[in-house]
Amino acid sequence: MSQNTHSLDIEFSDNNILSSLFGVNDINIQTLEKINNVKIQYRGNKVKIYGSKTSIKVTKNELINLFEEAKKGIEID
């Protein structure tokens, strides 16, 4: 990764909701990566986002918003 690549760690409170957030075969994560030009890695309830500062900020906000929607039972697709 280049010098301009940054990273951010996020920890979510409910591991079970993350599976619906990430989607089947992580399709939702792959979509976010393409749209925001970031790389997302996760293990358990911890998510790490790599990319430019701006892209990371946008992706973090999107993930948090989608997580809140998934907590309400809304299907993420």
C-alpha atoms as a PDB file:
ATOM      1  CA  MET A   1       0.000   0.000   0.000  1.00  0.00           C
ATOM      2  CA  SER A   2       1.148   3.517  -0.714  1.00  0.00           C
ATOM      3  CA  GLN A   3       2.211   6.162   1.771  1.00  0.00           C
ATOM      4  CA  ASN A   4      -1.191   7.824   1.394  1.00  0.00           C
ATOM      5  CA  THR A   5      -2.976   4.753   2.689  1.00  0.00           C
ATOM      6  CA  HIS A   6      -4.425   5.065   6.164  1.00  0.00           C
ATOM      7  CA  SER A   7      -6.398   2.664   8.297  1.00  0.00           C
ATOM      8  CA  LEU A   8      -9.158   2.818  10.869  1.00  0.00           C
ATOM      9  CA  ASP A   9     -10.440   0.194  13.299  1.00  0.00           C
ATOM     10  CA  ILE A  10     -14.116  -0.056  14.205  1.00  0.00           C
ATOM     11  CA  GLU A  11     -15.605  -2.437  16.756  1.00  0.00           C
ATOM     12  CA  PHE A  12     -19.287  -3.297  16.474  1.00  0.00           C
ATOM     13  CA  SER A  13     -21.374  -4.338  19.457  1.00  0.00           C
ATOM     14  CA  ASP A  14     -23.249  -7.293  17.945  1.00  0.00           C
ATOM     15  CA  ASN A  15     -21.427  -9.946  15.980  1.00  0.00           C
ATOM     16  CA  ASN A  16     -24.673 -11.595  14.823  1.00  0.00           C
ATOM     17  CA  ILE A  17     -25.861  -8.489  13.004  1.00  0.00           C
ATOM     18  CA  LEU A  18     -22.603  -8.212  11.090  1.00  0.00           C
ATOM     19  CA  SER A  19     -23.376 -11.304   9.006  1.00  0.00           C
ATOM     20  CA  SER A  20     -26.482  -9.625   7.581  1.00  0.00           C
ATOM     21  CA  LEU A  21     -24.569  -6.356   7.211  1.00  0.00           C
ATOM     22  CA  PHE A  22     -21.729  -8.003   5.271  1.00  0.00           C
ATOM     23  CA  GLY A  23     -24.088 -10.042   3.082  1.00  0.00           C
ATOM     24  CA  VAL A  24     -23.829 -13.473   1.532  1.00  0.00           C
ATOM     25  CA  ASN A  25     -20.194 -14.150   0.611  1.00  0.00           C
ATOM     26  CA  ASP A  26     -19.381 -10.598   1.800  1.00  0.00           C
ATOM     27  CA  ILE A  27     -21.066  -9.092  -1.265  1.00  0.00           C
ATOM     28  CA  ASN A  28     -22.004  -5.910   0.628  1.00  0.00           C
ATOM     29  CA  ILE A  29     -18.403  -5.434   1.794  1.00  0.00           C
ATOM     30  CA  GLN A  30     -17.130  -5.959  -1.755  1.00  0.00           C
ATOM     31  CA  THR A  31     -19.614  -3.374  -3.030  1.00  0.00           C
ATOM     32  CA  LEU A  32     -18.505  -0.811  -0.426  1.00  0.00           C
ATOM     33  CA  GLU A  33     -14.860  -1.486  -1.301  1.00  0.00           C
ATOM     34  CA  LYS A  34     -15.504  -0.803  -4.990  1.00  0.00           C
ATOM     35  CA  ILE A  35     -17.677   2.280  -4.461  1.00  0.00           C
ATOM     36  CA  ASN A  36     -15.382   3.926  -1.895  1.00  0.00           C
ATOM     37  CA  ASN A  37     -12.020   2.655  -3.180  1.00  0.00           C
ATOM     38  CA  VAL A  38     -11.088   1.082   0.163  1.00  0.00           C
ATOM     39  CA  LYS A  39     -10.067  -2.329   1.468  1.00  0.00           C
ATOM     40  CA  ILE A  40     -12.106  -3.781   4.336  1.00  0.00           C
ATOM     41  CA  GLN A  41     -10.900  -6.594   6.552  1.00  0.00           C
ATOM     42  CA  TYR A  42     -12.736  -8.047   9.501  1.00  0.00           C
ATOM     43  CA  ARG A  43     -12.441 -10.626  12.219  1.00  0.00           C
ATOM     44  CA  GLY A  44     -15.306 -11.204  14.592  1.00  0.00           C
ATOM     45  CA  ASN A  45     -16.838  -7.851  15.424  1.00  0.00           C
ATOM     46  CA  LYS A  46     -13.727  -5.825  14.531  1.00  0.00           C
ATOM     47  CA  VAL A  47     -13.500  -4.142  11.140  1.00  0.00           C
ATOM     48  CA  LYS A  48     -10.432  -2.463   9.667  1.00  0.00           C
ATOM     49  CA  ILE A  49     -10.754  -0.062   6.733  1.00  0.00           C
ATOM     50  CA  TYR A  50      -7.758   0.866   4.549  1.00  0.00           C
ATOM     51  CA  GLY A  51      -7.699   3.764   2.090  1.00  0.00           C
ATOM     52  CA  SER A  52      -7.500   7.534   1.892  1.00  0.00           C
ATOM     53  CA  LYS A  53      -8.642   9.513   4.928  1.00  0.00           C
ATOM     54  CA  THR A  54     -11.726  10.752   3.073  1.00  0.00           C
ATOM     55  CA  SER A  55     -12.677   7.288   1.780  1.00  0.00           C
ATOM     56  CA  ILE A  56     -12.228   5.765   5.235  1.00  0.00           C
ATOM     57  CA  LYS A  57     -14.466   8.411   6.820  1.00  0.00           C
ATOM     58  CA  VAL A  58     -17.226   7.885   4.242  1.00  0.00           C
ATOM     59  CA  THR A  59     -16.997   4.086   4.558  1.00  0.00           C
ATOM     60  CA  LYS A  60     -17.068   4.234   8.368  1.00  0.00           C
ATOM     61  CA  ASN A  61     -20.223   6.355   8.314  1.00  0.00           C
ATOM     62  CA  GLU A  62     -21.876   4.043   5.785  1.00  0.00           C
ATOM     63  CA  LEU A  63     -21.004   0.942   7.826  1.00  0.00           C
ATOM     64  CA  ILE A  64     -22.350   2.483  11.026  1.00  0.00           C
ATOM     65  CA  ASN A  65     -25.573   3.566   9.302  1.00  0.00           C
ATOM     66  CA  LEU A  66     -26.025   0.136   7.704  1.00  0.00           C
ATOM     67  CA  PHE A  67     -25.325  -1.555  11.056  1.00  0.00           C
ATOM     68  CA  GLU A  68     -28.082   0.525  12.681  1.00  0.00           C
ATOM     69  CA  GLU A  69     -30.475  -0.430   9.861  1.00  0.00           C
ATOM     70  CA  ALA A  70     -29.577  -4.124  10.248  1.00  0.00           C
ATOM     71  CA  LYS A  71     -30.209  -3.883  14.020  1.00  0.00           C
ATOM     72  CA  LYS A  72     -33.761  -2.789  13.200  1.00  0.00           C
ATOM     73  CA  GLY A  73     -34.233  -5.916  11.103  1.00  0.00           C
ATOM     74  CA  ILE A  74     -33.951  -4.171   7.760  1.00  0.00           C
ATOM     75  CA  GLU A  75     -32.375  -6.374   5.096  1.00  0.00           C
ATOM     76  CA  ILE A  76     -29.165  -4.899   3.702  1.00  0.00           C
ATOM     77  CA  ASP A  77     -28.650  -5.481  -0.016  1.00  0.00           C
END
